[in-house]
C-alpha atoms as a PDB file:
ATOM      1  CA  MET A   1       0.000   0.000   0.000  1.00  0.00           C
ATOM      2  CA  GLN A   2       1.151   3.539  -0.780  1.00  0.00           C
ATOM      3  CA  LYS A   3       2.686   5.482   2.105  1.00  0.00           C
ATOM      4  CA  TRP A   4       2.128   9.248   2.343  1.00  0.00           C
ATOM      5  CA  VAL A   5       4.585  11.833   3.719  1.00  0.00           C
ATOM      6  CA  CYS A   6       3.720  15.118   5.439  1.00  0.00           C
ATOM      7  CA  THR A   7       5.596  17.850   3.566  1.00  0.00           C
ATOM      8  CA  ILE A   8       5.651  19.977   6.732  1.00  0.00           C
ATOM      9  CA  CYS A   9       7.222  17.648   9.314  1.00  0.00           C
ATOM     10  CA  GLY A  10       8.114  14.435   7.465  1.00  0.00           C
ATOM     11  CA  TYR A  11       5.614  12.168   9.271  1.00  0.00           C
ATOM     12  CA  VAL A  12       4.833   9.066   7.202  1.00  0.00           C
ATOM     13  CA  TYR A  13       1.284   7.697   7.160  1.00  0.00           C
ATOM     14  CA  ASP A  14       1.561   3.957   6.596  1.00  0.00           C
ATOM     15  CA  PRO A  15      -1.835   2.497   5.692  1.00  0.00           C
ATOM     16  CA  ALA A  16      -0.651  -0.995   6.655  1.00  0.00           C
ATOM     17  CA  VAL A  17      -0.364   0.254  10.253  1.00  0.00           C
ATOM     18  CA  GLY A  18      -3.116   2.881  10.504  1.00  0.00           C
ATOM     19  CA  GLU A  19      -2.971   5.709  13.067  1.00  0.00           C
ATOM     20  CA  GLY A  20      -4.818   6.260  16.334  1.00  0.00           C
ATOM     21  CA  ASP A  21      -8.503   5.543  15.650  1.00  0.00           C
ATOM     22  CA  ILE A  22      -7.758   4.741  11.991  1.00  0.00           C
ATOM     23  CA  PRO A  23      -7.608   0.960  11.588  1.00  0.00           C
ATOM     24  CA  PRO A  24      -4.783  -0.789   9.721  1.00  0.00           C
ATOM     25  CA  ARG A  25      -5.197  -1.190   5.948  1.00  0.00           C
ATOM     26  CA  THR A  26      -7.032   2.141   5.590  1.00  0.00           C
ATOM     27  CA  PRO A  27      -5.848   3.831   2.362  1.00  0.00           C
ATOM     28  CA  PHE A  28      -4.904   7.508   2.657  1.00  0.00           C
ATOM     29  CA  GLU A  29      -7.708   8.395   0.236  1.00  0.00           C
ATOM     30  CA  GLU A  30     -10.256   6.943   2.683  1.00  0.00           C
ATOM     31  CA  LEU A  31      -9.110   9.002   5.686  1.00  0.00           C
ATOM     32  CA  PRO A  32     -11.723  11.537   6.854  1.00  0.00           C
ATOM     33  CA  GLU A  33     -11.403  14.944   5.166  1.00  0.00           C
ATOM     34  CA  ASP A  34     -10.766  16.543   8.559  1.00  0.00           C
ATOM     35  CA  TRP A  35      -7.911  14.135   9.411  1.00  0.00           C
ATOM     36  CA  VAL A  36      -4.677  15.924  10.312  1.00  0.00           C
ATOM     37  CA  CYS A  37      -1.058  14.929  10.768  1.00  0.00           C
ATOM     38  CA  PRO A  38      -0.655  13.525  14.302  1.00  0.00           C
ATOM     39  CA  LEU A  39       2.702  15.292  14.703  1.00  0.00           C
ATOM     40  CA  CYS A  40       2.200  18.805  13.345  1.00  0.00           C
ATOM     41  CA  GLY A  41      -1.548  19.136  12.685  1.00  0.00           C
ATOM     42  CA  ALA A  42      -1.213  19.721   8.926  1.00  0.00           C
ATOM     43  CA  GLY A  43      -4.216  18.794   6.774  1.00  0.00           C
ATOM     44  CA  LYS A  44      -4.364  16.052   4.156  1.00  0.00           C
ATOM     45  CA  GLU A  45      -3.469  18.610   1.466  1.00  0.00           C
ATOM     46  CA  SER A  46       0.033  18.778   2.990  1.00  0.00           C
ATOM     47  CA  PHE A  47       0.740  15.112   2.236  1.00  0.00           C
ATOM     48  CA  GLU A  48       2.375  13.653  -0.861  1.00  0.00           C
ATOM     49  CA  PRO A  49       2.855  10.032  -1.923  1.00  0.00           C
ATOM     50  CA  GLU A  50       6.164   8.632  -0.687  1.00  0.00           C
ATOM     51  CA  ASP A  51       8.760   8.229  -3.416  1.00  0.00           C
ATOM     52  CA  SER A  52       9.482   4.528  -3.509  1.00  0.00           C
ATOM     53  CA  GLY A  53      12.262   4.943  -6.060  1.00  0.00           C
END
Protein backbone atom coordinates (compact mmCIF):
# COMPACT_ATOMS: atom_id res chain seq x y z
CA MET A 1 0.00 0.00 0.00
CA GLN A 2 1.15 3.54 -0.78
CA LYS A 3 2.69 5.48 2.11
CA TRP A 4 2.13 9.25 2.34
CA VAL A 5 4.58 11.83 3.72
CA CYS A 6 3.72 15.12 5.44
CA THR A 7 5.60 17.85 3.57
CA ILE A 8 5.65 19.98 6.73
CA CYS A 9 7.22 17.65 9.31
CA GLY A 10 8.11 14.43 7.47
CA TYR A 11 5.61 12.17 9.27
CA VAL A 12 4.83 9.07 7.20
CA TYR A 13 1.28 7.70 7.16
CA ASP A 14 1.56 3.96 6.60
CA PRO A 15 -1.84 2.50 5.69
CA ALA A 16 -0.65 -0.99 6.65
CA VAL A 17 -0.36 0.25 10.25
CA GLY A 18 -3.12 2.88 10.50
CA GLU A 19 -2.97 5.71 13.07
CA GLY A 20 -4.82 6.26 16.33
CA ASP A 21 -8.50 5.54 15.65
CA ILE A 22 -7.76 4.74 11.99
CA PRO A 23 -7.61 0.96 11.59
CA PRO A 24 -4.78 -0.79 9.72
CA ARG A 25 -5.20 -1.19 5.95
CA THR A 26 -7.03 2.14 5.59
CA PRO A 27 -5.85 3.83 2.36
CA PHE A 28 -4.90 7.51 2.66
CA GLU A 29 -7.71 8.39 0.24
CA GLU A 30 -10.26 6.94 2.68
CA LEU A 31 -9.11 9.00 5.69
CA PRO A 32 -11.72 11.54 6.85
CA GLU A 33 -11.40 14.94 5.17
CA ASP A 34 -10.77 16.54 8.56
CA TRP A 35 -7.91 14.13 9.41
CA VAL A 36 -4.68 15.92 10.31
CA CYS A 37 -1.06 14.93 10.77
CA PRO A 38 -0.66 13.53 14.30
CA LEU A 39 2.70 15.29 14.70
CA CYS A 40 2.20 18.80 13.34
CA GLY A 41 -1.55 19.14 12.69
CA ALA A 42 -1.21 19.72 8.93
CA GLY A 43 -4.22 18.79 6.77
CA LYS A 44 -4.36 16.05 4.16
CA GLU A 45 -3.47 18.61 1.47
CA SER A 46 0.03 18.78 2.99
CA PHE A 47 0.74 15.11 2.24
CA GLU A 48 2.38 13.65 -0.86
CA PRO A 49 2.85 10.03 -1.92
CA GLU A 50 6.16 8.63 -0.69
CA ASP A 51 8.76 8.23 -3.42
CA SER A 52 9.48 4.53 -3.51
CA GLY A 53 12.26 4.94 -6.06
